[in-house]
């Protein structure tokens, strides 16, 4: 549920930017049908996957630490942003199970992605976007 185009208005902005950018086939300014839009020679709709795959296949060589950080950061950022937009959608729709004890509020989920397992403000380790 990382990239729900129906809820996340940033998805088409990122997609368009990657398509028009240095590694996209839209940098010439010519309009093409959506199915022909490419980023790193792959369909632009799957830019998150393409970024991660490019880390494994880059010409400068595979670096396990850089690749791990790229994967973590890309996935955590997409999940955090999508959770925030899911929270906005939830406010609009007011789900029936909102008062249930096992309901997970998307805003709480976004905060958890951001903060991770670190409880101290000065912490520098961990697997969150904050650390």
Foldseek 3Di string as FASTA:
>chain_A
DLDDPVQQVCLVVVLVCQQCDPQWPCVVVDDDPQQPTDHVNHRSSPVLVVQLVCQCVPPVDHDPVVSVVSNLVSRLVSLLSVLVSVLVVCVVVVDPCPVPPPDDRSNVVSVCQACPPDPDQPDDDHRHVSD
